[in-house]
Amino acid sequence: MTRDQMKRTKNQEGTLVSTATVDRNEIASRPLNEEEEIYKENILDHYKHPHNYGQLQEYTLAHREFNPLCGDDIIIYTLIQEGKIKDVSFQGKGCAISQASISLLTDYLKRKPLAEVKKLTPETVMQLLGIPISLVRMKCALLSLKAIHNGIKNMENTHE
């Protein structure tokens, strides 16, 4: 797959969808078993029809992360109330892995306490993706986790 930037348009229902093409064979680091093929399809679905895409109207945290090696670029918007993530969304562009990762992670983060979110590990993201990720694609997959962790850290440093 080339590192083409993701393009989005609105379909007839007004939902943002991707118009980029993806080489289905370049998502995983090795041939996949049947269960992993299902996860691969889920990744492609999150890439083409991302969950929680767009800027929240009200947010307490906004943080951008950029991977200069491949061009993946995301901004995460988070509404934090009473020590929990009440709502979360993102904007961004990049490869299928980075965009699916942030889409899956935003689903996972909703209603989670900040203390729990700060303890999330790369393994959590890998479990959400459900397929083996090559070392070359690891930065793409973990950009979402880096965004939420660094965003929380910056917010806490600002409020000290």
Protein backbone atom coordinates (compact mmCIF):
# COMPACT_ATOMS: atom_id res chain seq x y z
CA MET A 1 0.00 0.00 0.00
CA THR A 2 1.30 3.46 -0.75
CA ARG A 3 1.24 6.03 2.02
CA ASP A 4 -1.49 8.04 0.27
CA GLN A 5 -3.25 10.42 2.59
CA MET A 6 -6.76 9.38 3.48
CA LYS A 7 -9.51 11.23 1.64
CA ARG A 8 -12.99 11.56 3.12
CA THR A 9 -16.31 12.48 1.58
CA LYS A 10 -19.88 12.34 2.82
CA ASN A 11 -22.17 9.59 1.56
CA GLN A 12 -25.91 10.02 0.93
CA GLU A 13 -26.66 9.63 4.65
CA GLY A 14 -24.18 12.41 5.49
CA THR A 15 -21.66 10.03 7.09
CA LEU A 16 -17.95 10.61 6.45
CA VAL A 17 -16.43 7.73 4.48
CA SER A 18 -13.00 7.10 3.04
CA THR A 19 -12.41 7.24 -0.70
CA ALA A 20 -8.84 5.93 -0.48
CA THR A 21 -7.97 2.47 -1.69
CA VAL A 22 -6.23 -0.06 0.53
CA ASP A 23 -4.12 -3.04 -0.46
CA ARG A 24 -5.75 -5.70 1.71
CA ASN A 25 -2.58 -7.80 1.67
CA GLU A 26 -0.37 -5.15 3.30
CA ILE A 27 -2.26 -4.70 6.56
CA ALA A 28 -0.74 -7.57 8.56
CA SER A 29 2.85 -8.70 9.07
CA ARG A 30 2.23 -12.29 7.90
CA PRO A 31 -0.49 -14.45 6.34
CA LEU A 32 -3.54 -14.50 8.58
CA ASN A 33 -5.67 -17.31 9.93
CA GLU A 34 -9.46 -17.23 9.55
CA GLU A 35 -10.10 -15.36 12.82
CA GLU A 36 -7.43 -12.78 12.01
CA GLU A 37 -8.97 -12.27 8.56
CA ILE A 38 -12.16 -11.17 10.34
CA TYR A 39 -10.15 -8.66 12.38
CA LYS A 40 -8.49 -7.43 9.17
CA GLU A 41 -11.92 -6.76 7.70
CA ASN A 42 -12.82 -4.90 10.91
CA ILE A 43 -9.70 -2.73 10.50
CA LEU A 44 -10.66 -1.91 6.92
CA ASP A 45 -14.20 -1.08 8.06
CA HIS A 46 -12.90 1.31 10.76
CA TYR A 47 -10.62 2.90 8.16
CA LYS A 48 -13.39 3.42 5.63
CA HIS A 49 -16.13 4.25 8.18
CA PRO A 50 -14.32 5.55 11.27
CA HIS A 51 -16.17 5.81 14.56
CA ASN A 52 -16.04 9.09 16.50
CA TYR A 53 -14.59 11.07 13.58
CA GLY A 54 -14.78 14.85 13.82
CA GLN A 55 -14.19 17.55 16.39
CA LEU A 56 -16.27 17.52 19.56
CA GLN A 57 -18.19 20.74 20.12
CA GLU A 58 -17.11 20.70 23.76
CA TYR A 59 -13.80 19.22 24.89
CA THR A 60 -11.32 19.62 27.73
CA LEU A 61 -8.33 18.13 25.94
CA ALA A 62 -7.15 18.37 22.35
CA HIS A 63 -3.84 16.86 21.37
CA ARG A 64 -2.12 16.33 18.01
CA GLU A 65 0.40 13.63 17.19
CA PHE A 66 2.23 13.35 13.89
CA ASN A 67 4.45 10.57 12.58
CA PRO A 68 6.91 12.26 10.20
CA LEU A 69 8.20 8.92 8.91
CA CYS A 70 4.93 8.03 7.22
CA GLY A 71 2.72 11.11 7.44
CA ASP A 72 0.10 9.76 9.85
CA ASP A 73 -1.49 12.74 11.60
CA ILE A 74 -4.22 12.67 14.28
CA ILE A 75 -5.85 15.07 16.71
CA ILE A 76 -7.74 13.57 19.63
CA TYR A 77 -10.51 15.55 21.35
CA THR A 78 -11.57 14.43 24.80
CA LEU A 79 -14.28 15.63 27.17
CA ILE A 80 -13.26 14.74 30.71
CA GLN A 81 -15.74 15.03 33.56
CA GLU A 82 -15.43 13.75 37.12
CA GLY A 83 -12.17 11.97 36.32
CA LYS A 84 -13.65 9.97 33.41
CA ILE A 85 -13.68 10.31 29.65
CA LYS A 86 -17.26 11.31 28.93
CA ASP A 87 -16.75 11.67 25.17
CA VAL A 88 -13.89 11.38 22.71
CA SER A 89 -13.40 11.95 18.99
CA PHE A 90 -10.60 12.47 16.49
CA GLN A 91 -9.63 14.01 13.21
CA GLY A 92 -6.80 12.80 11.10
CA LYS A 93 -5.38 11.24 8.01
CA GLY A 94 -3.02 8.42 7.36
CA CYS A 95 -2.76 4.72 6.68
CA ALA A 96 -5.43 2.13 7.43
CA ILE A 97 -3.63 0.94 10.57
CA SER A 98 -3.31 4.39 12.18
CA GLN A 99 -6.87 5.41 11.37
CA ALA A 100 -8.41 2.10 12.45
CA SER A 101 -6.35 2.20 15.63
CA ILE A 102 -7.65 5.64 16.66
CA SER A 103 -11.22 4.70 15.70
CA LEU A 104 -11.07 1.52 17.80
CA LEU A 105 -9.33 3.27 20.69
CA THR A 106 -11.89 6.08 20.84
CA ASP A 107 -14.65 3.47 21.14
CA TYR A 108 -12.69 1.79 23.93
CA LEU A 109 -11.94 5.00 25.87
CA LYS A 110 -15.51 6.16 26.41
CA ARG A 111 -16.54 6.17 30.10
CA LYS A 112 -13.08 4.98 31.22
CA PRO A 113 -11.50 6.59 34.30
CA LEU A 114 -8.38 8.65 33.53
CA ALA A 115 -6.34 6.51 35.93
CA GLU A 116 -7.17 3.45 33.81
CA VAL A 117 -6.49 5.25 30.52
CA LYS A 118 -3.05 6.34 31.73
CA LYS A 119 -2.18 2.67 32.34
CA LEU A 120 -3.13 1.47 28.85
CA THR A 121 -0.30 -0.35 27.12
CA PRO A 122 0.63 -1.04 23.52
CA GLU A 123 -0.72 -4.55 24.08
CA THR A 124 -4.19 -3.05 24.61
CA VAL A 125 -4.05 -1.44 21.17
CA MET A 126 -2.72 -4.64 19.61
CA GLN A 127 -5.64 -6.56 21.14
CA LEU A 128 -8.10 -4.03 19.75
CA LEU A 129 -6.58 -4.41 16.28
CA GLY A 130 -6.57 -8.20 16.60
CA ILE A 131 -3.90 -8.96 14.00
CA PRO A 132 -0.10 -9.14 14.08
CA ILE A 133 1.45 -5.78 13.19
CA SER A 134 4.91 -5.60 11.65
CA LEU A 135 7.65 -3.56 13.31
CA VAL A 136 7.45 -1.07 10.43
CA ARG A 137 3.72 -0.48 11.15
CA MET A 138 4.02 -0.42 14.94
CA LYS A 139 4.38 3.38 15.09
CA CYS A 140 1.26 3.70 12.95
CA ALA A 141 -0.71 1.41 15.26
CA LEU A 142 0.46 3.13 18.46
CA LEU A 143 0.07 6.76 17.37
CA SER A 144 -3.42 6.79 18.91
CA LEU A 145 -2.13 5.62 22.29
CA LYS A 146 0.67 8.17 22.15
CA ALA A 147 -1.91 10.90 21.44
CA ILE A 148 -4.13 10.12 24.43
CA HIS A 149 -1.21 9.56 26.84
CA ASN A 150 0.65 12.72 25.80
CA GLY A 151 -2.58 14.72 25.79
CA ILE A 152 -3.38 13.70 29.37
CA LYS A 153 0.21 14.36 30.45
CA ASN A 154 0.16 17.85 28.90
CA MET A 155 -3.22 18.62 30.50
CA GLU A 156 -1.99 17.53 33.92
CA ASN A 157 1.24 19.53 33.57
CA THR A 158 -0.76 22.62 32.62
CA HIS A 159 -3.05 22.31 35.65
CA GLU A 160 -0.25 21.82 38.21
